[in-house]
């Protein structure tokens, strides 16, 4: 999945639990709002 305008690829670790700081950092990098992130998470 790609998002036009994202400055670099976002890497999502494959852990049982991903820390809040990693999630927030990835959201900022991808330029996603909380609602956009949750919508995409439901699709995954």
N, C-alpha and C. Protein backbone atom coordinates (compact mmCIF):
# COMPACT_ATOMS: atom_id res chain seq x y z
N UNK A 1 0.85 -1.17 0.00
CA UNK A 1 0.00 0.00 0.00
C UNK A 1 0.90 1.23 0.00
N UNK A 2 0.55 2.20 -0.79
CA UNK A 2 1.32 3.43 -0.85
C UNK A 2 0.41 4.63 -0.65
N UNK A 3 1.00 5.73 -0.23
CA UNK A 3 0.27 6.98 -0.07
C UNK A 3 1.07 8.07 -0.76
N UNK A 4 0.50 8.67 -1.79
CA UNK A 4 1.21 9.74 -2.48
C UNK A 4 1.60 10.86 -1.51
N UNK A 5 2.82 11.34 -1.62
CA UNK A 5 3.28 12.43 -0.78
C UNK A 5 3.96 12.00 0.50
N UNK A 6 3.94 10.71 0.82
CA UNK A 6 4.63 10.24 2.03
C UNK A 6 6.14 10.38 1.80
N UNK A 7 6.86 10.96 2.75
CA UNK A 7 8.27 11.23 2.54
C UNK A 7 9.16 9.99 2.48
N UNK A 8 8.74 8.90 3.11
CA UNK A 8 9.52 7.67 3.09
C UNK A 8 8.61 6.50 3.44
N UNK A 9 9.08 5.27 3.18
CA UNK A 9 8.27 4.10 3.54
C UNK A 9 8.09 4.00 5.05
N UNK A 10 6.96 3.45 5.47
CA UNK A 10 6.69 3.22 6.88
C UNK A 10 6.82 1.73 7.14
N UNK A 11 7.60 1.38 8.15
CA UNK A 11 7.81 -0.02 8.52
C UNK A 11 7.00 -0.31 9.77
N UNK A 12 6.15 -1.33 9.68
CA UNK A 12 5.35 -1.73 10.83
C UNK A 12 5.95 -3.02 11.37
N UNK A 13 6.47 -2.98 12.59
CA UNK A 13 7.10 -4.17 13.17
C UNK A 13 6.09 -5.31 13.32
N UNK A 14 6.58 -6.52 13.22
CA UNK A 14 5.74 -7.70 13.37
C UNK A 14 5.88 -8.24 14.78
N UNK A 15 5.38 -7.48 15.75
CA UNK A 15 5.41 -7.87 17.15
C UNK A 15 3.99 -8.18 17.58
N UNK A 16 3.86 -8.92 18.68
CA UNK A 16 2.53 -9.18 19.23
C UNK A 16 1.91 -7.87 19.70
N UNK A 17 2.75 -6.95 20.16
CA UNK A 17 2.27 -5.66 20.65
C UNK A 17 3.22 -4.57 20.15
N UNK A 18 2.68 -3.58 19.45
CA UNK A 18 3.48 -2.47 18.94
C UNK A 18 3.23 -1.26 19.83
N UNK A 19 4.29 -0.62 20.27
CA UNK A 19 4.18 0.52 21.18
C UNK A 19 3.48 1.72 20.57
N UNK A 20 2.83 2.48 21.43
CA UNK A 20 2.10 3.69 21.00
C UNK A 20 3.02 4.66 20.29
N UNK A 21 4.26 4.81 20.78
CA UNK A 21 5.20 5.75 20.17
C UNK A 21 5.54 5.36 18.73
N UNK A 22 5.63 4.07 18.45
CA UNK A 22 5.90 3.62 17.08
C UNK A 22 4.70 3.91 16.18
N UNK A 23 3.51 3.66 16.68
CA UNK A 23 2.30 3.92 15.91
C UNK A 23 2.17 5.40 15.58
N UNK A 24 2.36 6.26 16.57
CA UNK A 24 2.24 7.71 16.36
C UNK A 24 3.31 8.20 15.39
N UNK A 25 4.53 7.70 15.52
CA UNK A 25 5.60 8.09 14.61
C UNK A 25 5.27 7.68 13.18
N UNK A 26 4.75 6.48 12.99
CA UNK A 26 4.37 6.02 11.65
C UNK A 26 3.22 6.84 11.08
N UNK A 27 2.27 7.21 11.92
CA UNK A 27 1.15 8.04 11.46
C UNK A 27 1.65 9.39 10.98
N UNK A 28 2.57 10.00 11.72
CA UNK A 28 3.12 11.30 11.33
C UNK A 28 3.91 11.19 10.03
N UNK A 29 4.71 10.14 9.91
CA UNK A 29 5.51 9.94 8.70
C UNK A 29 4.62 9.80 7.48
N UNK A 30 3.54 9.04 7.62
CA UNK A 30 2.63 8.80 6.50
C UNK A 30 1.62 9.93 6.31
N UNK A 31 1.57 10.87 7.24
CA UNK A 31 0.61 11.97 7.13
C UNK A 31 -0.82 11.52 7.33
N UNK A 32 -1.02 10.53 8.22
CA UNK A 32 -2.36 10.00 8.48
C UNK A 32 -2.97 10.61 9.74
N UNK A 33 -4.25 10.83 9.68
CA UNK A 33 -4.97 11.22 10.89
C UNK A 33 -5.31 9.95 11.66
N UNK A 34 -5.76 10.10 12.88
CA UNK A 34 -6.14 8.94 13.69
C UNK A 34 -7.26 8.16 13.00
N UNK A 35 -8.25 8.87 12.46
CA UNK A 35 -9.37 8.21 11.79
C UNK A 35 -8.92 7.44 10.55
N UNK A 36 -8.01 8.03 9.77
CA UNK A 36 -7.49 7.34 8.58
C UNK A 36 -6.73 6.07 8.99
N UNK A 37 -5.93 6.19 10.04
CA UNK A 37 -5.16 5.05 10.52
C UNK A 37 -6.08 3.92 10.95
N UNK A 38 -7.10 4.24 11.74
CA UNK A 38 -8.01 3.21 12.22
C UNK A 38 -8.79 2.57 11.08
N UNK A 39 -9.15 3.36 10.08
CA UNK A 39 -9.87 2.82 8.92
C UNK A 39 -8.97 1.83 8.17
N UNK A 40 -7.71 2.18 7.97
CA UNK A 40 -6.78 1.28 7.30
C UNK A 40 -6.49 0.04 8.12
N UNK A 41 -6.44 0.20 9.43
CA UNK A 41 -6.18 -0.93 10.32
C UNK A 41 -7.32 -1.96 10.23
N UNK A 42 -8.53 -1.49 10.08
CA UNK A 42 -9.67 -2.40 9.95
C UNK A 42 -9.57 -3.24 8.68
N UNK A 43 -8.98 -2.67 7.62
CA UNK A 43 -8.83 -3.39 6.35
C UNK A 43 -7.75 -4.47 6.42
N UNK A 44 -6.76 -4.26 7.29
CA UNK A 44 -5.61 -5.18 7.34
C UNK A 44 -5.95 -6.51 7.95
